Protein backbone atom coordinates (compact mmCIF):
# COMPACT_ATOMS: atom_id res chain seq x y z
CA UNK A 1 5.24 61.72 -49.57
CA UNK A 2 5.20 59.01 -46.92
CA UNK A 3 5.21 55.34 -47.88
CA UNK A 4 2.95 52.95 -45.93
CA UNK A 5 4.79 50.22 -44.22
CA UNK A 6 3.81 46.64 -44.98
CA UNK A 7 3.54 44.21 -41.99
CA UNK A 8 3.59 40.54 -42.52
CA UNK A 9 2.10 38.38 -39.67
CA UNK A 10 2.62 34.59 -39.85
CA UNK A 11 -0.69 32.83 -40.20
CA UNK A 12 -0.09 30.56 -37.13
CA UNK A 13 0.51 33.69 -34.99
CA UNK A 14 -2.52 35.40 -36.34
CA UNK A 15 -4.71 32.39 -35.70
CA UNK A 16 -3.28 32.17 -32.15
CA UNK A 17 -4.19 35.77 -31.38
CA UNK A 18 -7.70 35.44 -32.76
CA UNK A 19 -8.34 32.01 -31.15
CA UNK A 20 -6.52 31.65 -27.82
CA UNK A 21 -5.83 28.14 -26.63
CA UNK A 22 -8.67 26.37 -24.86
CA UNK A 23 -8.53 26.11 -21.14
CA UNK A 24 -7.92 22.63 -19.75
CA UNK A 25 -11.17 20.60 -19.80
CA UNK A 26 -12.89 20.69 -16.46
CA UNK A 27 -14.10 17.40 -14.92
CA UNK A 28 -17.75 17.21 -15.65
CA UNK A 29 -20.12 15.35 -13.41
CA UNK A 30 -22.12 12.64 -15.22
CA UNK A 31 -25.79 12.06 -14.79
CA UNK A 32 -26.67 10.20 -11.60
CA UNK A 33 -29.68 7.92 -11.01
CA UNK A 34 -31.20 5.89 -8.16
CA UNK A 35 -33.44 2.98 -9.25
CA UNK A 36 -35.57 1.57 -6.47
CA UNK A 37 -36.45 -2.15 -6.51
CA UNK A 38 -38.27 -4.43 -4.16
CA UNK A 39 -35.40 -4.77 -1.75
CA UNK A 40 -32.54 -2.83 -3.30
CA UNK A 41 -31.58 0.50 -4.84
CA UNK A 42 -29.18 0.74 -7.83
CA UNK A 43 -27.07 3.87 -7.97
CA UNK A 44 -25.82 4.56 -11.47
CA UNK A 45 -23.59 7.10 -13.21
CA UNK A 46 -24.05 7.60 -16.94
CA UNK A 47 -26.20 4.41 -16.98
CA UNK A 48 -23.46 2.25 -15.36
CA UNK A 49 -23.94 0.70 -11.98
CA UNK A 50 -21.71 1.99 -9.18
CA UNK A 51 -23.23 0.28 -6.22
CA UNK A 52 -26.43 -1.39 -5.00
CA UNK A 53 -27.93 -0.69 -1.50
CA UNK A 54 -29.56 -3.90 -0.24
CA UNK A 55 -32.27 -3.91 2.44
CA UNK A 56 -33.98 -7.26 2.32
CA UNK A 57 -35.68 -7.83 5.68
CA UNK A 58 -33.98 -11.33 5.90
CA UNK A 59 -30.55 -9.55 6.22
CA UNK A 60 -29.14 -8.57 9.55
CA UNK A 61 -28.71 -4.98 8.40
CA UNK A 62 -28.82 -2.89 5.14
CA UNK A 63 -25.57 -2.65 3.16
CA UNK A 64 -23.98 -1.57 -0.14
CA UNK A 65 -22.83 -4.41 -2.51
CA UNK A 66 -21.23 -4.55 -4.97
CA UNK A 67 -19.17 -1.38 -5.01
CA UNK A 68 -17.30 -0.51 -8.16
CA UNK A 69 -14.37 1.85 -7.93
CA UNK A 70 -13.66 1.37 -11.61
CA UNK A 71 -16.08 -0.12 -14.15
CA UNK A 72 -16.45 -3.77 -13.38
CA UNK A 73 -13.88 -3.65 -10.63
CA UNK A 74 -15.23 -4.52 -7.22
CA UNK A 75 -13.50 -2.86 -4.31
CA UNK A 76 -15.14 -4.58 -1.25
CA UNK A 77 -15.78 -8.07 0.24
CA UNK A 78 -19.23 -9.13 1.27
CA UNK A 79 -19.18 -11.62 4.28
CA UNK A 80 -15.63 -12.97 4.12
CA UNK A 81 -14.96 -16.20 5.99
CA UNK A 82 -13.05 -14.63 8.78
CA UNK A 83 -15.78 -12.05 9.56
CA UNK A 84 -19.08 -12.98 7.82
CA UNK A 85 -20.75 -9.90 9.25
CA UNK A 86 -18.51 -7.52 7.43
CA UNK A 87 -20.97 -6.74 4.64
CA UNK A 88 -18.97 -4.62 2.14
CA UNK A 89 -20.11 -1.15 3.50
CA UNK A 90 -22.71 -0.69 6.27
CA UNK A 91 -23.74 1.41 9.23
CA UNK A 92 -24.61 -0.04 12.68
CA UNK A 93 -23.17 -0.30 16.22
CA UNK A 94 -22.17 -3.22 18.33
CA UNK A 95 -23.71 -2.22 21.72
CA UNK A 96 -26.91 -0.22 22.02
CA UNK A 97 -28.52 -0.18 25.45
CA UNK A 98 -32.26 0.47 25.64
CA UNK A 99 -32.59 1.58 29.28
CA UNK A 100 -35.58 0.10 30.95
CA UNK A 101 -35.99 -2.82 28.59
CA UNK A 102 -35.18 -6.20 30.06
CA UNK A 103 -33.22 -8.13 27.45
CA UNK A 104 -33.87 -11.76 27.13
CA UNK A 105 -30.77 -12.55 25.07
CA UNK A 106 -27.34 -11.76 26.52
CA UNK A 107 -24.14 -11.83 24.58
CA UNK A 108 -20.78 -11.92 26.36
CA UNK A 109 -19.08 -8.55 26.70
CA UNK A 110 -22.15 -6.73 25.27
CA UNK A 111 -24.17 -4.58 27.66
CA UNK A 112 -27.17 -4.04 25.42
CA UNK A 113 -28.08 -5.16 21.85
CA UNK A 114 -25.39 -6.12 19.34
CA UNK A 115 -26.23 -4.89 15.84
CA UNK A 116 -22.65 -5.50 14.51
CA UNK A 117 -22.37 -9.26 14.57
CA UNK A 118 -24.64 -11.76 12.97
CA UNK A 119 -24.74 -14.48 15.76
CA UNK A 120 -28.11 -15.93 16.78
CA UNK A 121 -28.57 -13.54 19.64
CA UNK A 122 -27.76 -10.34 17.73
CA UNK A 123 -30.28 -7.61 16.77
CA UNK A 124 -31.48 -6.64 13.32
CA UNK A 125 -31.75 -3.40 11.49
CA UNK A 126 -34.96 -3.58 9.35
CA UNK A 127 -35.84 -1.26 6.56
CA UNK A 128 -39.51 -0.33 6.87
CA UNK A 129 -39.98 2.34 4.18
CA UNK A 130 -38.12 3.67 1.13
CA UNK A 131 -39.28 7.08 -0.33
CA UNK A 132 -39.11 8.10 -3.99
CA UNK A 133 -35.60 9.30 -5.06
CA UNK A 134 -35.09 13.14 -5.23
CA UNK A 135 -32.92 14.59 -7.97
CA UNK A 136 -31.32 17.95 -7.20
CA UNK A 137 -28.71 19.45 -9.49
CA UNK A 138 -25.66 17.17 -9.34
CA UNK A 139 -27.04 14.48 -6.90
CA UNK A 140 -29.75 12.05 -6.16
CA UNK A 141 -31.03 11.36 -2.64
CA UNK A 142 -33.18 8.54 -1.20
CA UNK A 143 -34.72 8.75 2.25
CA UNK A 144 -35.16 5.34 4.07
CA UNK A 145 -36.69 4.35 7.43
CA UNK A 146 -35.22 1.73 9.71
CA UNK A 147 -36.05 0.09 12.89
CA UNK A 148 -33.33 -1.35 15.10
CA UNK A 149 -34.84 -4.36 16.79
CA UNK A 150 -33.81 -7.04 19.27
CA UNK A 151 -33.72 -10.69 18.07
CA UNK A 152 -37.27 -11.21 19.19
CA UNK A 153 -38.53 -8.14 17.23
CA UNK A 154 -38.76 -5.47 20.00
CA UNK A 155 -37.98 -2.03 18.62
CA UNK A 156 -35.00 -0.40 20.22
CA UNK A 157 -34.80 2.72 18.14
CA UNK A 158 -35.96 4.44 14.97
CA UNK A 159 -33.59 5.68 12.21
CA UNK A 160 -34.12 7.92 9.29
CA UNK A 161 -31.29 7.13 6.85
CA UNK A 162 -30.72 9.48 3.93
CA UNK A 163 -28.43 8.17 1.12
CA UNK A 164 -27.11 10.79 -1.33
CA UNK A 165 -25.23 9.82 -4.43
CA UNK A 166 -22.90 12.22 -6.31
CA UNK A 167 -20.45 11.92 -9.17
CA UNK A 168 -17.31 14.15 -8.75
CA UNK A 169 -15.83 13.30 -12.19
CA UNK A 170 -14.65 10.21 -14.01
CA UNK A 171 -14.20 7.22 -11.61
CA UNK A 172 -14.82 9.50 -8.58
CA UNK A 173 -18.17 8.74 -6.86
CA UNK A 174 -19.35 9.83 -3.46
CA UNK A 175 -22.01 8.17 -1.35
CA UNK A 176 -23.22 10.16 1.61
CA UNK A 177 -24.98 8.45 4.49
CA UNK A 178 -26.85 10.47 7.03
CA UNK A 179 -28.07 8.44 9.99
CA UNK A 180 -30.66 10.26 12.09
CA UNK A 181 -30.97 8.11 15.18
CA UNK A 182 -34.19 8.62 17.30
CA UNK A 183 -34.61 7.35 20.86
CA UNK A 184 -38.27 6.68 19.97
CA UNK A 185 -39.04 4.07 22.68
CA UNK A 186 -36.39 4.11 25.30
CA UNK A 187 -33.54 6.27 26.66
CA UNK A 188 -30.43 4.97 24.88
CA UNK A 189 -26.81 4.43 25.71
CA UNK A 190 -24.18 3.74 23.04
CA UNK A 191 -21.97 1.58 25.22
CA UNK A 192 -18.16 1.51 24.88
CA UNK A 193 -17.09 -0.90 22.09
CA UNK A 194 -14.72 -0.83 19.14
CA UNK A 195 -17.34 -2.59 16.97
CA UNK A 196 -18.89 0.30 14.99
CA UNK A 197 -20.19 2.21 13.10
CA UNK A 198 -19.69 3.31 9.43
CA UNK A 199 -17.74 0.32 8.17
CA UNK A 200 -16.29 -1.08 5.02
CA UNK A 201 -14.45 -4.36 4.32
CA UNK A 202 -11.97 -3.90 1.44
CA UNK A 203 -11.30 -6.58 -1.11
CA UNK A 204 -8.82 -9.23 0.04
CA UNK A 205 -5.96 -8.43 -2.22
CA UNK A 206 -5.83 -4.79 -1.01
CA UNK A 207 -5.42 -5.82 2.58
CA UNK A 208 -2.25 -4.31 4.08
CA UNK A 209 -1.34 -7.69 5.65
CA UNK A 210 -1.39 -9.32 2.22
CA UNK A 211 1.72 -7.23 1.26
CA UNK A 212 0.46 -6.84 -2.30
CA UNK A 213 0.55 -2.99 -2.40
CA UNK A 214 -2.51 -2.30 -0.38
CA UNK A 215 -2.32 0.89 1.70
CA UNK A 216 -4.34 2.30 4.66
CA UNK A 217 -3.83 6.00 5.20
CA UNK A 218 -5.53 8.66 7.28
CA UNK A 219 -5.91 12.43 6.85
CA UNK A 220 -2.74 13.07 8.84
CA UNK A 221 -0.77 10.81 6.55
CA UNK A 222 -0.32 8.04 9.12
CA UNK A 223 -0.34 4.56 7.57
CA UNK A 224 -1.55 1.05 8.48
CA UNK A 225 -3.28 -0.22 11.50
CA UNK A 226 -0.36 0.95 13.68
CA UNK A 227 -0.79 4.47 12.60
CA UNK A 228 -4.60 4.64 12.12
CA UNK A 229 -6.26 2.34 14.73
CA UNK A 230 -8.05 4.19 17.56
CA UNK A 231 -6.93 7.58 16.22
CA UNK A 232 -9.28 10.52 15.64
CA UNK A 233 -9.16 11.70 12.04
CA UNK A 234 -11.32 13.29 9.43
CA UNK A 235 -10.96 10.35 7.09
CA UNK A 236 -9.22 7.12 6.26
CA UNK A 237 -8.49 5.59 2.76
CA UNK A 238 -7.89 2.03 1.67
CA UNK A 239 -6.29 1.60 -1.80
CA UNK A 240 -4.08 -0.56 -3.93
CA UNK A 241 -3.48 -2.39 -7.19
CA UNK A 242 -6.59 -3.94 -8.80
CA UNK A 243 -5.01 -5.59 -11.87
CA UNK A 244 -3.93 -4.43 -15.36
CA UNK A 245 -1.67 -1.85 -13.92
CA UNK A 246 -4.54 -0.07 -12.33
CA UNK A 247 -4.99 1.27 -8.73
CA UNK A 248 -8.18 2.08 -6.95
CA UNK A 249 -9.50 2.76 -3.49
CA UNK A 250 -12.39 3.49 -1.09
CA UNK A 251 -12.25 6.21 1.54
CA UNK A 252 -14.54 6.80 4.46
CA UNK A 253 -15.28 10.38 5.49
CA UNK A 254 -16.56 11.79 8.81
CA UNK A 255 -18.35 15.07 8.62
CA UNK A 256 -16.54 17.73 10.74
CA UNK A 257 -20.01 19.05 11.70
CA UNK A 258 -21.00 15.87 13.51
CA UNK A 259 -21.47 16.52 17.20
CA UNK A 260 -19.03 13.76 18.00
CA UNK A 261 -15.69 13.30 16.37
CA UNK A 262 -14.73 9.92 14.89
CA UNK A 263 -12.00 7.47 15.92
CA UNK A 264 -11.14 4.61 13.56
CA UNK A 265 -11.42 0.87 14.03
CA UNK A 266 -8.83 0.30 11.22
CA UNK A 267 -7.28 -3.06 10.63
CA UNK A 268 -4.54 -4.37 8.29
CA UNK A 269 -6.82 -7.26 7.49
CA UNK A 270 -9.16 -5.07 5.49
CA UNK A 271 -11.66 -3.60 8.01
CA UNK A 272 -12.14 0.13 8.21
CA UNK A 273 -14.83 1.62 10.42
CA UNK A 274 -15.53 5.24 11.61
CA UNK A 275 -16.53 4.94 15.23
CA UNK A 276 -17.88 7.94 17.29
CA UNK A 277 -18.91 5.94 20.33
CA UNK A 278 -15.83 3.87 21.40
CA UNK A 279 -14.09 5.05 24.48
CA UNK A 280 -11.15 4.18 26.66
CA UNK A 281 -12.17 1.27 28.88
CA UNK A 282 -13.39 -1.32 26.44
CA UNK A 283 -12.63 -0.05 22.91
CA UNK A 284 -9.21 1.16 24.19
CA UNK A 285 -8.77 3.66 21.44
CA UNK A 286 -5.60 5.57 22.15
CA UNK A 287 -7.15 8.92 21.27
CA UNK A 288 -9.96 8.30 23.81
CA UNK A 289 -7.51 7.82 26.71
CA UNK A 290 -9.12 9.10 29.91
CA UNK A 291 -12.49 9.39 28.27
CA UNK A 292 -15.02 6.92 29.73
CA UNK A 293 -18.34 8.83 29.50
CA UNK A 294 -20.50 7.12 26.94
CA UNK A 295 -22.91 8.81 24.50
CA UNK A 296 -26.53 8.78 25.75
CA UNK A 297 -29.85 9.96 24.31
CA UNK A 298 -32.83 10.80 26.49
CA UNK A 299 -36.16 9.33 25.20
CA UNK A 300 -37.49 11.27 22.39
CA UNK A 301 -34.08 12.87 21.48
CA UNK A 302 -32.16 12.46 18.25
CA UNK A 303 -28.57 12.15 17.16
CA UNK A 304 -27.58 12.79 13.56
CA UNK A 305 -24.34 11.55 12.08
CA UNK A 306 -23.00 12.04 8.55
CA UNK A 307 -20.43 9.93 6.78
CA UNK A 308 -19.17 9.53 3.23
CA UNK A 309 -17.90 6.62 1.12
CA UNK A 310 -15.64 7.82 -1.65
CA UNK A 311 -14.92 5.42 -4.55
CA UNK A 312 -11.94 6.45 -6.64
CA UNK A 313 -9.42 5.50 -9.23
CA UNK A 314 -5.68 5.71 -8.16
CA UNK A 315 -4.24 5.84 -4.68
CA UNK A 316 -4.97 8.45 -1.99
CA UNK A 317 -3.02 11.17 -3.94
CA UNK A 318 -4.07 10.24 -7.51
CA UNK A 319 -7.66 9.73 -6.37
CA UNK A 320 -7.70 13.28 -4.95
CA UNK A 321 -9.15 12.05 -1.65
CA UNK A 322 -8.30 15.24 0.24
CA UNK A 323 -10.16 17.29 -2.36
CA UNK A 324 -13.14 14.99 -2.38
CA UNK A 325 -13.29 15.23 1.45
CA UNK A 326 -13.36 19.00 1.17
CA UNK A 327 -16.20 18.81 -1.38
CA UNK A 328 -18.03 16.47 1.09
CA UNK A 329 -17.39 18.61 4.10
CA UNK A 330 -18.51 21.73 2.21
CA UNK A 331 -21.57 19.82 0.92
């Protein structure tokens, strides 16, 4: 007669076998919203403001301000004293030539119309229409219509600007800006200047030249103005300490599918701008050496450019800027 063996399994081991440990929690995207007002659009995550897009017709151009990388922590400057035309985050260009239009106002060293500066002879980008926000899965998009005009109100070009807002996880928010430029009235030349196009002005205490821990880094790992200025790269990131032992940053992405690659007008004093139009002669970008042919559009033609603004906690590594760029590029 065989005796049955008795097996004793520790309770903790039995529980472990029946209930395997949970996988690490995945970063879940929070609800995103776009609230359209009379002259602004608030973009929110989980009911909290991340940025406001401002388009009052009295402005020289539409721009995002404030921009929060962390709750209540602004990451940009709006109109600092040294460059009052640096409006937090914006898209424009400093020398657009409408061929065939006799310009009454001439600015030194500008061939056409200057939409970058805010001097009395500069042009204006005026928002003429804002469509209802469209929510799709993990994002919300707003289509806006702009007219780029001379100082006296003559239309130089039309632009359809689509702003898409996405949350990539806690304190990781992505703003996508698609500028569809239409040579609606004149053949256009985007003349050679460093002043453009998808720009940000980082908060003063994150400036590299303030030596308080601010860092400017591009996709190749080059740092500072010396390593980034005039170089072609997929992205650049500005980050640094923001108080209470916290670090945050703002990166600018250039879509690899853009028909023109992007060089960077990147300064240690806090300016960072992705520029697809600057060349060798005037902008003097080192990665455009030997390239003098400017970008032109025949009348009726269009040029579409897509950029991203990535607000993040941490520095370039902790903020997973590379991973966010991959999500942006893959759409």
